[in-house]
Amino acid sequence: MSDVDDTLDDREGKYGSFRDVAKSSQKMQDVIRNGKNYDKMSFAQKEAIFMICNKISRMINGDVSYKDNAHDLAGYATLIEKDLDR
């Protein structure tokens, strides 16, 4: 097994299967893209929200107790807040 395979196995243990995470994340992103104010958001805000979708997806498909996910959610929310101050 390669180093990449080891990494993928480790991530699947923490986050669930990539396919499940991708499906959940993309469904959330579809809802966001269809929001009436989506086009008013900056690129930074959009990206941060999509990363939040990914983190939520990882939580609901993987280890809900993996604290790093919550930390990352707070980080991306902070990036949105900082973008609003520009």
N, C-alpha and C. Protein backbone atom coordinates (compact mmCIF):
# COMPACT_ATOMS: atom_id res chain seq x y z
N MET A 1 0.85 -1.18 0.00
CA MET A 1 0.00 0.00 0.00
C MET A 1 0.89 1.24 0.00
N SER A 2 0.49 2.27 -0.76
CA SER A 2 1.30 3.48 -0.87
C SER A 2 0.99 4.45 0.27
N ASP A 3 1.84 5.46 0.39
CA ASP A 3 1.61 6.51 1.38
C ASP A 3 0.28 7.21 1.13
N VAL A 4 -0.07 7.41 -0.14
CA VAL A 4 -1.34 8.07 -0.48
C VAL A 4 -2.51 7.20 -0.02
N ASP A 5 -2.43 5.90 -0.25
CA ASP A 5 -3.49 4.99 0.19
C ASP A 5 -3.63 5.02 1.71
N ASP A 6 -2.51 5.07 2.41
CA ASP A 6 -2.56 5.16 3.87
C ASP A 6 -3.26 6.44 4.31
N THR A 7 -2.94 7.54 3.65
CA THR A 7 -3.57 8.82 3.97
C THR A 7 -5.07 8.76 3.70
N LEU A 8 -5.45 8.21 2.55
CA LEU A 8 -6.87 8.11 2.20
C LEU A 8 -7.63 7.23 3.20
N ASP A 9 -7.02 6.14 3.63
CA ASP A 9 -7.65 5.28 4.63
C ASP A 9 -7.83 6.01 5.95
N ASP A 10 -6.82 6.78 6.34
CA ASP A 10 -6.90 7.56 7.57
C ASP A 10 -8.02 8.59 7.49
N ARG A 11 -8.10 9.30 6.36
CA ARG A 11 -9.13 10.33 6.18
C ARG A 11 -10.53 9.72 6.18
N GLU A 12 -10.67 8.56 5.54
CA GLU A 12 -11.98 7.91 5.51
C GLU A 12 -12.42 7.53 6.92
N GLY A 13 -11.48 7.15 7.74
CA GLY A 13 -11.80 6.83 9.13
C GLY A 13 -12.30 8.04 9.90
N LYS A 14 -11.76 9.20 9.58
CA LYS A 14 -12.15 10.43 10.28
C LYS A 14 -13.39 11.09 9.66
N TYR A 15 -13.47 11.06 8.34
CA TYR A 15 -14.47 11.86 7.63
C TYR A 15 -15.55 11.07 6.94
N GLY A 16 -15.44 9.76 6.85
CA GLY A 16 -16.38 8.96 6.08
C GLY A 16 -15.91 8.84 4.64
N SER A 17 -16.69 8.16 3.84
CA SER A 17 -16.26 7.94 2.46
C SER A 17 -16.29 9.25 1.68
N PHE A 18 -15.33 9.39 0.77
CA PHE A 18 -15.24 10.60 -0.04
C PHE A 18 -16.51 10.82 -0.84
N ARG A 19 -17.09 9.74 -1.37
CA ARG A 19 -18.31 9.85 -2.16
C ARG A 19 -19.46 10.41 -1.32
N ASP A 20 -19.60 9.93 -0.09
CA ASP A 20 -20.67 10.41 0.78
C ASP A 20 -20.47 11.88 1.15
N VAL A 21 -19.23 12.23 1.46
CA VAL A 21 -18.91 13.62 1.80
C VAL A 21 -19.17 14.52 0.60
N ALA A 22 -18.73 14.10 -0.57
CA ALA A 22 -18.93 14.91 -1.78
C ALA A 22 -20.41 15.11 -2.06
N LYS A 23 -21.20 14.07 -1.93
CA LYS A 23 -22.64 14.16 -2.19
C LYS A 23 -23.31 15.14 -1.24
N SER A 24 -23.04 15.01 0.05
CA SER A 24 -23.64 15.91 1.05
C SER A 24 -23.20 17.35 0.82
N SER A 25 -21.92 17.54 0.57
CA SER A 25 -21.38 18.88 0.38
C SER A 25 -21.97 19.54 -0.87
N GLN A 26 -22.04 18.80 -1.97
CA GLN A 26 -22.58 19.36 -3.21
C GLN A 26 -24.06 19.71 -3.08
N LYS A 27 -24.82 18.91 -2.35
CA LYS A 27 -26.24 19.23 -2.14
C LYS A 27 -26.39 20.53 -1.35
N MET A 28 -25.57 20.71 -0.32
CA MET A 28 -25.61 21.97 0.43
C MET A 28 -25.20 23.14 -0.46
N GLN A 29 -24.16 22.94 -1.27
CA GLN A 29 -23.70 24.01 -2.15
C GLN A 29 -24.76 24.38 -3.19
N ASP A 30 -25.52 23.40 -3.66
CA ASP A 30 -26.61 23.70 -4.60
C ASP A 30 -27.63 24.63 -3.97
N VAL A 31 -27.97 24.38 -2.72
CA VAL A 31 -28.92 25.24 -2.00
C VAL A 31 -28.36 26.66 -1.92
N ILE A 32 -27.10 26.78 -1.59
CA ILE A 32 -26.46 28.09 -1.45
C ILE A 32 -26.41 28.82 -2.79
N ARG A 33 -26.03 28.13 -3.84
CA ARG A 33 -25.95 28.76 -5.17
C ARG A 33 -27.32 29.27 -5.64
N ASN A 34 -28.38 28.68 -5.15
CA ASN A 34 -29.73 29.10 -5.54
C ASN A 34 -30.32 30.16 -4.63
N GLY A 35 -29.56 30.58 -3.62
CA GLY A 35 -30.01 31.64 -2.73
C GLY A 35 -30.07 32.98 -3.45
N LYS A 36 -31.03 33.81 -3.08
CA LYS A 36 -31.24 35.07 -3.81
C LYS A 36 -30.06 36.03 -3.69
N ASN A 37 -29.24 35.92 -2.67
CA ASN A 37 -28.12 36.85 -2.50
C ASN A 37 -26.77 36.25 -2.88
N TYR A 38 -26.78 35.06 -3.44
CA TYR A 38 -25.52 34.39 -3.78
C TYR A 38 -24.63 35.27 -4.66
N ASP A 39 -25.21 35.91 -5.66
CA ASP A 39 -24.41 36.72 -6.59
C ASP A 39 -23.85 37.99 -5.95
N LYS A 40 -24.35 38.35 -4.78
CA LYS A 40 -23.85 39.53 -4.08
C LYS A 40 -22.64 39.22 -3.20
N MET A 41 -22.36 37.94 -3.02
CA MET A 41 -21.27 37.53 -2.15
C MET A 41 -19.93 37.65 -2.87
N SER A 42 -18.88 37.96 -2.12
CA SER A 42 -17.54 38.00 -2.70
C SER A 42 -17.05 36.57 -2.97
N PHE A 43 -16.02 36.46 -3.78
CA PHE A 43 -15.44 35.14 -4.02
C PHE A 43 -14.96 34.51 -2.71
N ALA A 44 -14.38 35.32 -1.85
CA ALA A 44 -13.88 34.81 -0.56
C ALA A 44 -15.02 34.28 0.30
N GLN A 45 -16.14 35.01 0.33
CA GLN A 45 -17.29 34.56 1.12
C GLN A 45 -17.84 33.24 0.56
N LYS A 46 -17.96 33.17 -0.76
CA LYS A 46 -18.46 31.94 -1.38
C LYS A 46 -17.56 30.75 -1.06
N GLU A 47 -16.27 30.95 -1.20
CA GLU A 47 -15.34 29.85 -0.95
C GLU A 47 -15.39 29.41 0.50
N ALA A 48 -15.43 30.36 1.41
CA ALA A 48 -15.49 30.01 2.83
C ALA A 48 -16.77 29.24 3.14
N ILE A 49 -17.89 29.64 2.56
CA ILE A 49 -19.15 28.93 2.80
C ILE A 49 -19.08 27.52 2.21
N PHE A 50 -18.46 27.38 1.04
CA PHE A 50 -18.34 26.04 0.47
C PHE A 50 -17.42 25.17 1.31
N MET A 51 -16.39 25.75 1.89
CA MET A 51 -15.53 24.97 2.78
C MET A 51 -16.29 24.58 4.05
N ILE A 52 -17.16 25.46 4.52
CA ILE A 52 -18.01 25.14 5.67
C ILE A 52 -18.92 23.96 5.32
N CYS A 53 -19.46 23.97 4.10
CA CYS A 53 -20.28 22.83 3.65
C CYS A 53 -19.47 21.54 3.71
N ASN A 54 -18.23 21.60 3.26
CA ASN A 54 -17.38 20.42 3.27
C ASN A 54 -17.13 19.95 4.70
N LYS A 55 -16.88 20.88 5.60
CA LYS A 55 -16.62 20.50 6.99
C LYS A 55 -17.86 19.90 7.64
N ILE A 56 -19.02 20.48 7.37
CA ILE A 56 -20.27 19.92 7.90
C ILE A 56 -20.46 18.51 7.35
N SER A 57 -20.20 18.36 6.06
CA SER A 57 -20.32 17.05 5.40
C SER A 57 -19.42 16.02 6.06
N ARG A 58 -18.21 16.42 6.35
CA ARG A 58 -17.28 15.50 7.00
C ARG A 58 -17.79 15.11 8.38
N MET A 59 -18.39 16.06 9.08
CA MET A 59 -18.90 15.76 10.42
C MET A 59 -20.08 14.79 10.36
N ILE A 60 -21.00 14.99 9.42
CA ILE A 60 -22.19 14.15 9.39
C ILE A 60 -21.94 12.78 8.76
N ASN A 61 -20.83 12.63 8.07
CA ASN A 61 -20.50 11.35 7.45
C ASN A 61 -19.37 10.61 8.15
N GLY A 62 -18.67 11.27 9.03
CA GLY A 62 -17.51 10.66 9.68
C GLY A 62 -17.61 10.73 11.19
N ASP A 63 -16.51 11.00 11.81
CA ASP A 63 -16.40 11.05 13.26
C ASP A 63 -16.91 12.40 13.77
N VAL A 64 -18.12 12.42 14.33
CA VAL A 64 -18.72 13.67 14.78
C VAL A 64 -17.97 14.29 15.96
N SER A 65 -17.12 13.52 16.59
CA SER A 65 -16.36 14.01 17.74
C SER A 65 -14.98 14.52 17.37
N TYR A 66 -14.62 14.48 16.09
CA TYR A 66 -13.30 14.94 15.66
C TYR A 66 -13.27 16.46 15.75
N LYS A 67 -12.62 16.97 16.77
CA LYS A 67 -12.65 18.39 17.14
C LYS A 67 -12.12 19.32 16.05
N ASP A 68 -11.21 18.84 15.22
CA ASP A 68 -10.62 19.68 14.18
C ASP A 68 -11.68 20.23 13.23
N ASN A 69 -12.75 19.45 12.99
CA ASN A 69 -13.82 19.94 12.11
C ASN A 69 -14.47 21.20 12.68
N ALA A 70 -14.78 21.19 13.97
CA ALA A 70 -15.39 22.36 14.60
C ALA A 70 -14.44 23.55 14.57
N HIS A 71 -13.18 23.29 14.79
CA HIS A 71 -12.16 24.34 14.75
C HIS A 71 -12.10 24.97 13.35
N ASP A 72 -12.14 24.12 12.32
CA ASP A 72 -12.12 24.62 10.95
C ASP A 72 -13.38 25.42 10.62
N LEU A 73 -14.53 24.97 11.10
CA LEU A 73 -15.78 25.73 10.89
C LEU A 73 -15.64 27.14 11.45
N ALA A 74 -15.12 27.24 12.65
CA ALA A 74 -14.92 28.56 13.27
C ALA A 74 -13.94 29.39 12.45
N GLY A 75 -12.91 28.76 11.93
CA GLY A 75 -11.93 29.48 11.13
C GLY A 75 -12.53 30.04 9.85
N TYR A 76 -13.31 29.24 9.14
CA TYR A 76 -13.92 29.72 7.90
C TYR A 76 -14.96 30.80 8.18
N ALA A 77 -15.71 30.68 9.28
CA ALA A 77 -16.65 31.73 9.65
C ALA A 77 -15.90 33.03 9.96
N THR A 78 -14.77 32.93 10.60
CA THR A 78 -13.94 34.11 10.88
C THR A 78 -13.43 34.75 9.60
N LEU A 79 -13.07 33.93 8.62
CA LEU A 79 -12.63 34.48 7.33
C LEU A 79 -13.74 35.26 6.65
N ILE A 80 -14.98 34.77 6.75
CA ILE A 80 -16.12 35.51 6.20
C ILE A 80 -16.25 36.84 6.91
N GLU A 81 -16.17 36.83 8.22
CA GLU A 81 -16.29 38.05 9.01
C GLU A 81 -15.20 39.05 8.63
N LYS A 82 -13.99 38.58 8.46
CA LYS A 82 -12.89 39.46 8.06
C LYS A 82 -13.11 40.02 6.66
N ASP A 83 -13.67 39.21 5.76
CA ASP A 83 -13.94 39.68 4.41
C ASP A 83 -14.98 40.80 4.42
N LEU A 84 -15.94 40.71 5.33
CA LEU A 84 -16.97 41.75 5.43
C LEU A 84 -16.40 43.08 5.91
N ASP A 85 -15.27 43.03 6.62
CA ASP A 85 -14.64 44.25 7.13
C ASP A 85 -13.81 44.97 6.06
N ARG A 86 -13.64 44.38 4.90
CA ARG A 86 -12.81 44.99 3.84
C ARG A 86 -13.58 45.97 3.03
